[in-house]
PDB file of N, CA and C in Angstrom:
ATOM      1  N   ASP A   1       6.640  -8.201  -8.473  1.00  0.00           N
ATOM      2  CA  ASP A   1       6.788  -6.360  -8.441  1.00  0.00           C
ATOM      3  C   ASP A   1       5.505  -6.396  -7.934  1.00  0.00           C
ATOM      4  N   LEU A   2       5.289  -5.464  -6.527  1.00  0.00           N
ATOM      5  CA  LEU A   2       4.051  -5.314  -6.198  1.00  0.00           C
ATOM      6  C   LEU A   2       3.655  -3.791  -6.580  1.00  0.00           C
ATOM      7  N   THR A   3       2.500  -3.466  -7.061  1.00  0.00           N
ATOM      8  CA  THR A   3       1.947  -1.859  -7.192  1.00  0.00           C
ATOM      9  C   THR A   3       0.623  -1.693  -6.573  1.00  0.00           C
ATOM     10  N   LEU A   4       0.205  -1.326  -5.722  1.00  0.00           N
ATOM     11  CA  LEU A   4      -1.097  -0.992  -5.703  1.00  0.00           C
ATOM     12  C   LEU A   4      -1.475   0.701  -6.179  1.00  0.00           C
ATOM     13  N   TYR A   5      -3.114   0.445  -5.676  1.00  0.00           N
ATOM     14  CA  TYR A   5      -3.878   1.465  -6.144  1.00  0.00           C
ATOM     15  C   TYR A   5      -4.720   1.792  -5.001  1.00  0.00           C
ATOM     16  N   ALA A   6      -4.703   3.118  -4.744  1.00  0.00           N
ATOM     17  CA  ALA A   6      -5.391   3.372  -3.116  1.00  0.00           C
ATOM     18  C   ALA A   6      -6.352   4.604  -3.542  1.00  0.00           C
ATOM     19  N   THR A   7      -7.193   5.138  -2.713  1.00  0.00           N
ATOM     20  CA  THR A   7      -7.879   6.014  -2.687  1.00  0.00           C
ATOM     21  C   THR A   7      -7.064   7.003  -1.516  1.00  0.00           C
ATOM     22  N   ARG A   8      -7.414   8.221  -1.595  1.00  0.00           N
ATOM     23  CA  ARG A   8      -7.029   9.443  -0.897  1.00  0.00           C
ATOM     24  C   ARG A   8      -8.096  10.273  -0.662  1.00  0.00           C
ATOM     25  N   ALA A   9      -8.237  10.408   0.906  1.00  0.00           N
ATOM     26  CA  ALA A   9      -9.329  11.163   1.300  1.00  0.00           C
ATOM     27  C   ALA A   9      -9.230  12.248   2.503  1.00  0.00           C
ATOM     28  N   PRO A  10     -10.210  12.775   3.492  1.00  0.00           N
ATOM     29  CA  PRO A  10      -9.533  13.886   4.121  1.00  0.00           C
ATOM     30  C   PRO A  10      -9.921  13.005   5.220  1.00  0.00           C
ATOM     31  N   ASP A  11     -10.552  11.665   5.466  1.00  0.00           N
ATOM     32  CA  ASP A  11     -10.442  10.852   6.449  1.00  0.00           C
ATOM     33  C   ASP A  11      -9.527   9.498   6.647  1.00  0.00           C
ATOM     34  N   PHE A  12      -8.768   9.678   5.320  1.00  0.00           N
ATOM     35  CA  PHE A  12      -7.640   8.678   5.480  1.00  0.00           C
ATOM     36  C   PHE A  12      -6.423   8.951   6.286  1.00  0.00           C
ATOM     37  N   GLY A  13      -6.050   7.786   6.875  1.00  0.00           N
ATOM     38  CA  GLY A  13      -4.419   7.728   7.743  1.00  0.00           C
ATOM     39  C   GLY A  13      -3.511   7.256   7.090  1.00  0.00           C
ATOM     40  N   GLN A  14      -2.362   7.309   7.628  1.00  0.00           N
ATOM     41  CA  GLN A  14      -1.109   6.558   7.063  1.00  0.00           C
ATOM     42  C   GLN A  14      -0.713   5.234   7.124  1.00  0.00           C
ATOM     43  N   TRP A  15      -0.886   4.321   6.341  1.00  0.00           N
ATOM     44  CA  TRP A  15      -0.528   2.689   6.425  1.00  0.00           C
ATOM     45  C   TRP A  15       0.395   2.477   5.886  1.00  0.00           C
ATOM     46  N   GLN A  16       0.764   1.171   6.182  1.00  0.00           N
ATOM     47  CA  GLN A  16       2.203   0.288   5.711  1.00  0.00           C
ATOM     48  C   GLN A  16       1.568  -0.908   5.212  1.00  0.00           C
ATOM     49  N   ALA A  17       2.045  -1.120   3.824  1.00  0.00           N
ATOM     50  CA  ALA A  17       1.680  -2.463   3.365  1.00  0.00           C
ATOM     51  C   ALA A  17       2.707  -3.370   3.927  1.00  0.00           C
ATOM     52  N   GLU A  18       2.037  -4.983   4.071  1.00  0.00           N
ATOM     53  CA  GLU A  18       3.033  -5.684   4.301  1.00  0.00           C
ATOM     54  C   GLU A  18       2.923  -7.019   3.505  1.00  0.00           C
ATOM     55  N   LEU A  19       4.086  -7.728   3.836  1.00  0.00           N
ATOM     56  CA  LEU A  19       3.801  -8.966   2.880  1.00  0.00           C
ATOM     57  C   LEU A  19       4.582 -10.495   3.725  1.00  0.00           C
ATOM     58  N   ASP A  20       3.601 -11.002   4.498  1.00  0.00           N
ATOM     59  CA  ASP A  20       3.837 -12.037   5.417  1.00  0.00           C
ATOM     60  C   ASP A  20       4.151 -11.440   6.437  1.00  0.00           C
ATOM     61  N   GLY A  21       3.748 -10.381   6.843  1.00  0.00           N
ATOM     62  CA  GLY A  21       3.832  -9.553   8.290  1.00  0.00           C
ATOM     63  C   GLY A  21       5.259  -8.638   8.381  1.00  0.00           C
ATOM     64  N   GLN A  22       5.961  -8.856   7.157  1.00  0.00           N
ATOM     65  CA  GLN A  22       6.997  -7.546   7.044  1.00  0.00           C
ATOM     66  C   GLN A  22       6.623  -6.667   6.041  1.00  0.00           C
ATOM     67  N   PRO A  23       7.010  -5.294   6.313  1.00  0.00           N
ATOM     68  CA  PRO A  23       6.754  -4.227   5.534  1.00  0.00           C
ATOM     69  C   PRO A  23       7.578  -4.290   4.298  1.00  0.00           C
ATOM     70  N   ILE A  24       6.839  -4.043   3.846  1.00  0.00           N
ATOM     71  CA  ILE A  24       7.093  -3.950   2.138  1.00  0.00           C
ATOM     72  C   ILE A  24       6.864  -2.518   1.242  1.00  0.00           C
ATOM     73  N   GLY A  25       8.013  -1.582   0.744  1.00  0.00           N
ATOM     74  CA  GLY A  25       7.791  -0.350   0.468  1.00  0.00           C
ATOM     75  C   GLY A  25       7.281   0.534   2.021  1.00  0.00           C
ATOM     76  N   GLN A  26       7.449   1.815   1.680  1.00  0.00           N
ATOM     77  CA  GLN A  26       7.275   3.004   2.704  1.00  0.00           C
ATOM     78  C   GLN A  26       6.047   2.899   3.362  1.00  0.00           C
ATOM     79  N   PRO A  27       6.051   3.729   4.372  1.00  0.00           N
ATOM     80  CA  PRO A  27       4.391   4.111   4.696  1.00  0.00           C
ATOM     81  C   PRO A  27       3.725   4.994   3.511  1.00  0.00           C
ATOM     82  N   PHE A  28       2.536   4.882   3.485  1.00  0.00           N
ATOM     83  CA  PHE A  28       2.059   5.667   2.420  1.00  0.00           C
ATOM     84  C   PHE A  28       0.633   6.640   3.272  1.00  0.00           C
ATOM     85  N   ASP A  29       1.126   8.273   3.153  1.00  0.00           N
ATOM     86  CA  ASP A  29      -0.052   8.912   3.329  1.00  0.00           C
ATOM     87  C   ASP A  29      -1.364   9.116   2.743  1.00  0.00           C
ATOM     88  N   GLY A  30      -2.680   8.377   3.167  1.00  0.00           N
ATOM     89  CA  GLY A  30      -3.514   8.678   2.241  1.00  0.00           C
ATOM     90  C   GLY A  30      -4.256   9.923   2.241  1.00  0.00           C
ATOM     91  N   TRP A  31      -3.990  10.846   3.088  1.00  0.00           N
ATOM     92  CA  TRP A  31      -4.997  11.844   3.419  1.00  0.00           C
ATOM     93  C   TRP A  31      -4.681  13.027   1.722  1.00  0.00           C
ATOM     94  N   ALA A  32      -5.749  13.208   1.953  1.00  0.00           N
ATOM     95  CA  ALA A  32      -5.952  14.664   0.862  1.00  0.00           C
ATOM     96  C   ALA A  32      -7.305  15.448   0.974  1.00  0.00           C
ATOM     97  N   PRO A  33      -7.207  16.300   0.713  1.00  0.00           N
ATOM     98  CA  PRO A  33      -8.433  17.532   0.888  1.00  0.00           C
ATOM     99  C   PRO A  33      -9.713  17.058   0.301  1.00  0.00           C
ATOM    100  N   VAL A  34      -9.670  16.060  -0.520  1.00  0.00           N
ATOM    101  CA  VAL A  34     -10.753  15.918  -1.312  1.00  0.00           C
ATOM    102  C   VAL A  34     -10.533  14.050  -1.766  1.00  0.00           C
ATOM    103  N   VAL A  35     -11.648  13.478  -1.814  1.00  0.00           N
ATOM    104  CA  VAL A  35     -11.356  12.025  -2.304  1.00  0.00           C
ATOM    105  C   VAL A  35     -10.932  11.949  -3.503  1.00  0.00           C
ATOM    106  N   LEU A  36      -9.916  11.139  -4.203  1.00  0.00           N
ATOM    107  CA  LEU A  36      -9.289  11.344  -5.117  1.00  0.00           C
ATOM    108  C   LEU A  36      -8.390  10.077  -5.177  1.00  0.00           C
ATOM    109  N   PRO A  37      -8.176   9.599  -6.510  1.00  0.00           N
ATOM    110  CA  PRO A  37      -7.228   8.241  -6.713  1.00  0.00           C
ATOM    111  C   PRO A  37      -5.878   8.365  -6.400  1.00  0.00           C
ATOM    112  N   SER A  38      -5.129   7.501  -5.949  1.00  0.00           N
ATOM    113  CA  SER A  38      -3.561   7.577  -5.463  1.00  0.00           C
ATOM    114  C   SER A  38      -2.742   7.610  -6.895  1.00  0.00           C
ATOM    115  N   GLY A  39      -3.299   6.947  -8.064  1.00  0.00           N
ATOM    116  CA  GLY A  39      -2.349   6.503  -8.901  1.00  0.00           C
ATOM    117  C   GLY A  39      -1.527   5.497  -8.675  1.00  0.00           C
ATOM    118  N   PRO A  40      -0.680   5.048  -9.115  1.00  0.00           N
ATOM    119  CA  PRO A  40       0.066   3.986  -8.972  1.00  0.00           C
ATOM    120  C   PRO A  40       1.437   4.251  -7.399  1.00  0.00           C
ATOM    121  N   ILE A  41       1.082   3.003  -6.619  1.00  0.00           N
ATOM    122  CA  ILE A  41       2.592   3.026  -5.660  1.00  0.00           C
ATOM    123  C   ILE A  41       2.931   1.584  -5.516  1.00  0.00           C
ATOM    124  N   ALA A  42       4.400   2.115  -6.193  1.00  0.00           N
ATOM    125  CA  ALA A  42       5.332   1.059  -6.262  1.00  0.00           C
ATOM    126  C   ALA A  42       5.465   0.515  -4.714  1.00  0.00           C
ATOM    127  N   ARG A  43       5.429  -0.761  -4.477  1.00  0.00           N
ATOM    128  CA  ARG A  43       5.788  -1.256  -3.252  1.00  0.00           C
ATOM    129  C   ARG A  43       7.458  -2.322  -3.539  1.00  0.00           C
ATOM    130  N   GLY A  44       7.575  -2.453  -4.698  1.00  0.00           N
ATOM    131  CA  GLY A  44       8.791  -2.903  -4.634  1.00  0.00           C
ATOM    132  C   GLY A  44       8.748  -4.448  -5.086  1.00  0.00           C
ATOM    133  N   VAL A  45      10.204  -5.360  -5.240  1.00  0.00           N
ATOM    134  CA  VAL A  45      10.189  -6.666  -5.886  1.00  0.00           C
ATOM    135  C   VAL A  45      10.649  -7.484  -4.619  1.00  0.00           C
ATOM    136  N   ARG A  46       9.991  -8.762  -4.682  1.00  0.00           N
ATOM    137  CA  ARG A  46      10.085  -9.636  -3.412  1.00  0.00           C
ATOM    138  C   ARG A  46      10.130 -11.093  -4.107  1.00  0.00           C
ATOM    139  N   GLN A  47      11.374 -12.065  -4.054  1.00  0.00           N
ATOM    140  CA  GLN A  47      11.309 -13.294  -4.312  1.00  0.00           C
ATOM    141  C   GLN A  47      10.327 -14.014  -3.206  1.00  0.00           C
ATOM    142  N   LEU A  48       9.501 -14.793  -4.162  1.00  0.00           N
ATOM    143  CA  LEU A  48       8.375 -15.454  -3.335  1.00  0.00           C
ATOM    144  C   LEU A  48       8.602 -17.053  -3.354  1.00  0.00           C
ATOM    145  N   SER A  49       8.320 -17.745  -2.153  1.00  0.00           N
ATOM    146  CA  SER A  49       8.601 -18.973  -2.186  1.00  0.00           C
ATOM    147  C   SER A  49       7.318 -19.699  -2.954  1.00  0.00           C
ATOM    148  N   ARG A  50       6.922 -20.751  -3.200  1.00  0.00           N
ATOM    149  CA  ARG A  50       5.707 -21.672  -3.730  1.00  0.00           C
ATOM    150  C   ARG A  50       4.854 -21.639  -2.165  1.00  0.00           C
ATOM    151  N   GLY A  51       3.582 -21.568  -2.497  1.00  0.00           N
ATOM    152  CA  GLY A  51       2.541 -21.502  -1.406  1.00  0.00           C
ATOM    153  C   GLY A  51       2.132 -20.363  -1.019  1.00  0.00           C
ATOM    154  N   PRO A  52       0.864 -20.224  -0.068  1.00  0.00           N
ATOM    155  CA  PRO A  52       0.422 -19.061   0.125  1.00  0.00           C
ATOM    156  C   PRO A  52       1.416 -18.073   1.088  1.00  0.00           C
ATOM    157  N   HIS A  53       1.139 -16.878   0.603  1.00  0.00           N
ATOM    158  CA  HIS A  53       1.493 -15.439   1.173  1.00  0.00           C
ATOM    159  C   HIS A  53       0.316 -14.459   1.404  1.00  0.00           C
ATOM    160  N   VAL A  54       0.816 -13.824   2.475  1.00  0.00           N
ATOM    161  CA  VAL A  54      -0.265 -12.908   2.794  1.00  0.00           C
ATOM    162  C   VAL A  54       0.033 -11.562   2.776  1.00  0.00           C
ATOM    163  N   ILE A  55      -0.798 -10.790   1.995  1.00  0.00           N
ATOM    164  CA  ILE A  55      -0.452  -9.441   1.784  1.00  0.00           C
ATOM    165  C   ILE A  55      -1.550  -8.772   3.075  1.00  0.00           C
ATOM    166  N   GLY A  56      -1.128  -7.449   3.688  1.00  0.00           N
ATOM    167  CA  GLY A  56      -1.874  -6.735   4.640  1.00  0.00           C
ATOM    168  C   GLY A  56      -1.570  -5.540   4.729  1.00  0.00           C
ATOM    169  N   PHE A  57      -2.300  -4.418   5.547  1.00  0.00           N
ATOM    170  CA  PHE A  57      -2.215  -3.181   5.669  1.00  0.00           C
ATOM    171  C   PHE A  57      -2.422  -3.016   7.280  1.00  0.00           C
ATOM    172  N   ARG A  58      -1.552  -1.757   7.553  1.00  0.00           N
ATOM    173  CA  ARG A  58      -1.610  -1.526   8.985  1.00  0.00           C
ATOM    174  C   ARG A  58      -1.419  -0.073   8.951  1.00  0.00           C
ATOM    175  N   ILE A  59      -2.425   0.503   9.880  1.00  0.00           N
ATOM    176  CA  ILE A  59      -2.471   1.888  10.047  1.00  0.00           C
ATOM    177  C   ILE A  59      -1.250   2.320  11.010  1.00  0.00           C
ATOM    178  N   VAL A  60      -0.113   3.138  10.541  1.00  0.00           N
ATOM    179  CA  VAL A  60       1.076   3.374  11.111  1.00  0.00           C
ATOM    180  C   VAL A  60       0.890   5.119  11.774  1.00  0.00           C
ATOM    181  N   GLY A  61      -0.158   5.993  11.358  1.00  0.00           N
ATOM    182  CA  GLY A  61      -0.264   7.126  11.863  1.00  0.00           C
ATOM    183  C   GLY A  61      -1.486   7.824  11.196  1.00  0.00           C
ATOM    184  N   ARG A  62      -1.302   9.335  11.395  1.00  0.00           N
ATOM    185  CA  ARG A  62      -2.305  10.090  11.040  1.00  0.00           C
ATOM    186  C   ARG A  62      -1.921  11.588  10.761  1.00  0.00           C
ATOM    187  N   HIS A  63      -1.999  11.830   9.405  1.00  0.00           N
ATOM    188  CA  HIS A  63      -1.723  12.966   8.955  1.00  0.00           C
ATOM    189  C   HIS A  63      -2.474  14.348   9.897  1.00  0.00           C
ATOM    190  N   PRO A  64      -1.945  15.301  10.178  1.00  0.00           N
ATOM    191  CA  PRO A  64      -2.492  16.322  11.180  1.00  0.00           C
ATOM    192  C   PRO A  64      -3.699  16.848  10.832  1.00  0.00           C
ATOM    193  N   GLU A  65      -4.477  16.821   9.377  1.00  0.00           N
ATOM    194  CA  GLU A  65      -5.627  17.729   9.036  1.00  0.00           C
ATOM    195  C   GLU A  65      -6.710  16.334   8.630  1.00  0.00           C
ATOM    196  N   ALA A  66      -6.353  14.889   9.034  1.00  0.00           N
ATOM    197  CA  ALA A  66      -7.191  13.918   8.537  1.00  0.00           C
ATOM    198  C   ALA A  66      -8.255  13.621  10.060  1.00  0.00           C
ATOM    199  N   THR A  67      -9.141  13.420   9.571  1.00  0.00           N
ATOM    200  CA  THR A  67     -10.897  13.556  10.544  1.00  0.00           C
ATOM    201  C   THR A  67     -10.449  12.043  10.985  1.00  0.00           C
ATOM    202  N   ALA A  68      -9.654  11.078  10.425  1.00  0.00           N
ATOM    203  CA  ALA A  68      -9.442   9.899  11.152  1.00  0.00           C
ATOM    204  C   ALA A  68      -8.806   8.969  10.092  1.00  0.00           C
ATOM    205  N   ASP A  69      -8.824   7.714  10.667  1.00  0.00           N
ATOM    206  CA  ASP A  69      -7.656   6.776  10.015  1.00  0.00           C
ATOM    207  C   ASP A  69      -8.045   5.609   9.455  1.00  0.00           C
ATOM    208  N   LYS A  70      -8.452   5.765   8.606  1.00  0.00           N
ATOM    209  CA  LYS A  70      -9.324   4.853   7.501  1.00  0.00           C
ATOM    210  C   LYS A  70      -7.932   4.862   6.519  1.00  0.00           C
ATOM    211  N   TYR A  71      -8.533   3.659   5.512  1.00  0.00           N
ATOM    212  CA  TYR A  71      -7.385   3.496   4.252  1.00  0.00           C
ATOM    213  C   TYR A  71      -8.675   3.168   3.325  1.00  0.00           C
ATOM    214  N   GLY A  72      -8.071   3.081   2.184  1.00  0.00           N
ATOM    215  CA  GLY A  72      -8.843   2.393   0.998  1.00  0.00           C
ATOM    216  C   GLY A  72      -7.852   1.748  -0.140  1.00  0.00           C
ATOM    217  N   ILE A  73      -7.671   0.521  -0.422  1.00  0.00           N
ATOM    218  CA  ILE A  73      -7.362   0.122  -1.221  1.00  0.00           C
ATOM    219  C   ILE A  73      -7.780  -0.315  -2.487  1.00  0.00           C
ATOM    220  N   ASP A  74      -7.752   0.412  -3.971  1.00  0.00           N
ATOM    221  CA  ASP A  74      -8.691  -0.176  -5.006  1.00  0.00           C
ATOM    222  C   ASP A  74      -8.316  -1.404  -5.700  1.00  0.00           C
ATOM    223  N   ALA A  75      -6.859  -1.529  -5.648  1.00  0.00           N
ATOM    224  CA  ALA A  75      -6.439  -2.427  -6.847  1.00  0.00           C
ATOM    225  C   ALA A  75      -4.773  -3.116  -6.132  1.00  0.00           C
ATOM    226  N   LEU A  76      -4.441  -4.226  -6.609  1.00  0.00           N
ATOM    227  CA  LEU A  76      -3.172  -4.663  -6.322  1.00  0.00           C
ATOM    228  C   LEU A  76      -2.819  -4.987  -7.818  1.00  0.00           C
ATOM    229  N   LYS A  77      -1.695  -4.844  -8.186  1.00  0.00           N
ATOM    230  CA  LYS A  77      -1.068  -5.506  -9.314  1.00  0.00           C
ATOM    231  C   LYS A  77       0.176  -6.236  -8.978  1.00  0.00           C
ATOM    232  N   LEU A  78       0.170  -7.544  -9.211  1.00  0.00           N
ATOM    233  CA  LEU A  78       1.154  -8.557  -9.407  1.00  0.00           C
ATOM    234  C   LEU A  78       1.902  -8.636 -10.463  1.00  0.00           C
ATOM    235  N   GLU A  79       2.823  -8.463 -10.861  1.00  0.00           N
ATOM    236  CA  GLU A  79       3.704  -9.045 -11.921  1.00  0.00           C
ATOM    237  C   GLU A  79       5.070 -10.050 -11.771  1.00  0.00           C
ATOM    238  N   ARG A  80       5.358 -11.013 -12.595  1.00  0.00           N
ATOM    239  CA  ARG A  80       6.205 -11.682 -12.468  1.00  0.00           C
ATOM    240  C   ARG A  80       7.283 -10.717 -13.110  1.00  0.00           C
ATOM    241  N   VAL A  81       8.903 -10.794 -12.388  1.00  0.00           N
ATOM    242  CA  VAL A  81       9.851 -10.353 -12.793  1.00  0.00           C
ATOM    243  C   VAL A  81      10.439 -11.363 -13.385  1.00  0.00           C
ATOM    244  N   PRO A  82      11.219 -11.234 -14.625  1.00  0.00           N
ATOM    245  CA  PRO A  82      12.151 -11.900 -15.283  1.00  0.00           C
ATOM    246  C   PRO A  82      13.308 -12.464 -14.361  1.00  0.00           C
ATOM    247  N   PRO A  83      13.984 -13.592 -14.094  1.00  0.00           N
ATOM    248  CA  PRO A  83      15.385 -13.378 -13.343  1.00  0.00           C
ATOM    249  C   PRO A  83      16.269 -12.617 -14.060  1.00  0.00           C
ATOM    250  N   SER A  84      17.197 -12.007 -13.071  1.00  0.00           N
ATOM    251  CA  SER A  84      18.571 -11.246 -13.656  1.00  0.00           C
ATOM    252  C   SER A  84      19.298 -12.080 -13.962  1.00  0.00           C
ATOM    253  N   ASP A  85      20.230 -11.921 -14.790  1.00  0.00           N
ATOM    254  CA  ASP A  85      21.606 -12.854 -14.872  1.00  0.00           C
ATOM    255  C   ASP A  85      22.735 -12.650 -13.955  1.00  0.00           C
TER     256      ASP A  85
END
């Protein structure tokens, strides 16, 4: 289970989190009139194979009031989810 914590700001754009090159969760609009924390952003649960994986971020748009298309990720929280029966 992946949860992100990001910064929102006047110069931040809309971004998409990716896992191994595939979108995970919905795009996130990082724009805000002042700098502030996003709080938890749930990205969802994925089953992972053994070995390395890549988490990436891609700018996908811009809020009409944004002055740029930057983004800021403050933390990633990965949690093991017990298998369901």
